[in-house]
Amino acid sequence: MDNTILLWNGGLSLILGLVAYMAHEKFKKLSDVETLINQTRVEVARDNVTKAEVERITEHIDQRFNRLEEKIDRLISKG
């Protein structure tokens, strides 16, 4: 009977140790994935423009073209 209990405790300890090791590896991998996601967020924020920035640039370009249009219209009306 003592040997059975000893084997049972040893088996349970081995299984528990294996489960703990696997859980540790999964949490480590999850941490690595979280780090990669955060790096990707930073890269996206750094490399891509926002909608507001595009609208601001577009508005600036439109104003420049409007000024050019007015100058061309003045030149045509003088000539």
C-alpha atoms as a PDB file:
ATOM      1  CA  MET A   1       0.000   0.000   0.000  1.00  0.00           C
ATOM      2  CA  ASP A   2       2.825   2.417   0.818  1.00  0.00           C
ATOM      3  CA  ASN A   3       4.381   1.805  -2.584  1.00  0.00           C
ATOM      4  CA  THR A   4       1.073   2.524  -4.310  1.00  0.00           C
ATOM      5  CA  ILE A   5       0.714   5.852  -2.503  1.00  0.00           C
ATOM      6  CA  LEU A   6       4.345   6.674  -3.245  1.00  0.00           C
ATOM      7  CA  LEU A   7       3.865   5.890  -6.953  1.00  0.00           C
ATOM      8  CA  TRP A   8       0.598   7.832  -7.027  1.00  0.00           C
ATOM      9  CA  ASN A   9       2.203  10.901  -5.401  1.00  0.00           C
ATOM     10  CA  GLY A  10       5.201  10.642  -7.711  1.00  0.00           C
ATOM     11  CA  GLY A  11       2.972  10.387 -10.790  1.00  0.00           C
ATOM     12  CA  LEU A  12       0.828  13.319  -9.696  1.00  0.00           C
ATOM     13  CA  SER A  13       3.936  15.388  -8.959  1.00  0.00           C
ATOM     14  CA  LEU A  14       5.332  14.585 -12.393  1.00  0.00           C
ATOM     15  CA  ILE A  15       2.060  15.485 -14.108  1.00  0.00           C
ATOM     16  CA  LEU A  16       1.718  18.690 -12.072  1.00  0.00           C
ATOM     17  CA  GLY A  17       5.310  19.651 -12.890  1.00  0.00           C
ATOM     18  CA  LEU A  18       4.668  19.020 -16.605  1.00  0.00           C
ATOM     19  CA  VAL A  19       1.481  21.092 -16.545  1.00  0.00           C
ATOM     20  CA  ALA A  20       3.274  23.922 -14.698  1.00  0.00           C
ATOM     21  CA  TYR A  21       6.117  23.860 -17.257  1.00  0.00           C
ATOM     22  CA  MET A  22       3.680  23.935 -20.181  1.00  0.00           C
ATOM     23  CA  ALA A  23       1.718  26.800 -18.607  1.00  0.00           C
ATOM     24  CA  HIS A  24       4.945  28.736 -18.063  1.00  0.00           C
ATOM     25  CA  GLU A  25       5.942  28.249 -21.719  1.00  0.00           C
ATOM     26  CA  LYS A  26       2.509  29.388 -22.927  1.00  0.00           C
ATOM     27  CA  PHE A  27       2.594  32.504 -20.743  1.00  0.00           C
ATOM     28  CA  LYS A  28       6.093  33.272 -22.020  1.00  0.00           C
ATOM     29  CA  LYS A  29       4.900  32.896 -25.611  1.00  0.00           C
ATOM     30  CA  LEU A  30       1.868  35.095 -24.852  1.00  0.00           C
ATOM     31  CA  SER A  31       4.189  37.749 -23.462  1.00  0.00           C
ATOM     32  CA  ASP A  32       6.285  37.597 -26.650  1.00  0.00           C
ATOM     33  CA  VAL A  33       3.151  38.006 -28.778  1.00  0.00           C
ATOM     34  CA  GLU A  34       2.047  41.008 -26.696  1.00  0.00           C
ATOM     35  CA  THR A  35       5.483  42.574 -27.214  1.00  0.00           C
ATOM     36  CA  LEU A  36       5.240  42.051 -30.978  1.00  0.00           C
ATOM     37  CA  ILE A  37       1.743  43.547 -31.062  1.00  0.00           C
ATOM     38  CA  ASN A  38       2.949  46.632 -29.187  1.00  0.00           C
ATOM     39  CA  GLN A  39       5.904  47.018 -31.560  1.00  0.00           C
ATOM     40  CA  THR A  40       3.526  46.743 -34.514  1.00  0.00           C
ATOM     41  CA  ARG A  41       1.284  49.443 -33.026  1.00  0.00           C
ATOM     42  CA  VAL A  42       4.256  51.759 -32.688  1.00  0.00           C
ATOM     43  CA  GLU A  43       5.381  51.081 -36.266  1.00  0.00           C
ATOM     44  CA  VAL A  44       1.887  51.671 -37.649  1.00  0.00           C
ATOM     45  CA  ALA A  45       1.537  54.920 -35.719  1.00  0.00           C
ATOM     46  CA  ARG A  46       4.978  56.058 -36.875  1.00  0.00           C
ATOM     47  CA  ASP A  47       4.753  55.041 -40.536  1.00  0.00           C
ATOM     48  CA  ASN A  48       1.132  55.829 -41.419  1.00  0.00           C
ATOM     49  CA  VAL A  49      -0.601  59.168 -41.579  1.00  0.00           C
ATOM     50  CA  THR A  50      -3.920  59.852 -39.940  1.00  0.00           C
ATOM     51  CA  LYS A  51      -7.061  60.861 -41.783  1.00  0.00           C
ATOM     52  CA  ALA A  52      -6.825  64.338 -40.254  1.00  0.00           C
ATOM     53  CA  GLU A  53      -3.296  64.768 -41.605  1.00  0.00           C
ATOM     54  CA  VAL A  54      -4.376  63.737 -45.095  1.00  0.00           C
ATOM     55  CA  GLU A  55      -7.308  66.155 -44.970  1.00  0.00           C
ATOM     56  CA  ARG A  56      -5.052  68.976 -43.782  1.00  0.00           C
ATOM     57  CA  ILE A  57      -2.539  68.357 -46.586  1.00  0.00           C
ATOM     58  CA  THR A  58      -5.316  68.050 -49.170  1.00  0.00           C
ATOM     59  CA  GLU A  59      -6.833  71.331 -48.003  1.00  0.00           C
ATOM     60  CA  HIS A  60      -3.443  73.030 -48.267  1.00  0.00           C
ATOM     61  CA  ILE A  61      -2.927  71.727 -51.805  1.00  0.00           C
ATOM     62  CA  ASP A  62      -6.458  72.813 -52.781  1.00  0.00           C
ATOM     63  CA  GLN A  63      -5.770  76.336 -51.510  1.00  0.00           C
ATOM     64  CA  ARG A  64      -2.555  76.490 -53.532  1.00  0.00           C
ATOM     65  CA  PHE A  65      -4.345  75.364 -56.692  1.00  0.00           C
ATOM     66  CA  ASN A  66      -7.114  77.890 -56.083  1.00  0.00           C
ATOM     67  CA  ARG A  67      -4.528  80.669 -55.878  1.00  0.00           C
ATOM     68  CA  LEU A  68      -2.903  79.467 -59.091  1.00  0.00           C
ATOM     69  CA  GLU A  69      -6.297  79.338 -60.765  1.00  0.00           C
ATOM     70  CA  GLU A  70      -7.006  82.931 -59.739  1.00  0.00           C
ATOM     71  CA  LYS A  71      -3.637  84.077 -61.094  1.00  0.00           C
ATOM     72  CA  ILE A  72      -4.215  82.288 -64.391  1.00  0.00           C
ATOM     73  CA  ASP A  73      -7.713  83.781 -64.646  1.00  0.00           C
ATOM     74  CA  ARG A  74      -6.279  87.281 -64.046  1.00  0.00           C
ATOM     75  CA  LEU A  75      -3.621  86.729 -66.719  1.00  0.00           C
ATOM     76  CA  ILE A  76      -6.232  85.521 -69.225  1.00  0.00           C
ATOM     77  CA  SER A  77      -8.583  88.420 -68.496  1.00  0.00           C
ATOM     78  CA  LYS A  78      -5.756  90.960 -68.995  1.00  0.00           C
ATOM     79  CA  GLY A  79      -4.659  89.463 -72.309  1.00  0.00           C
END
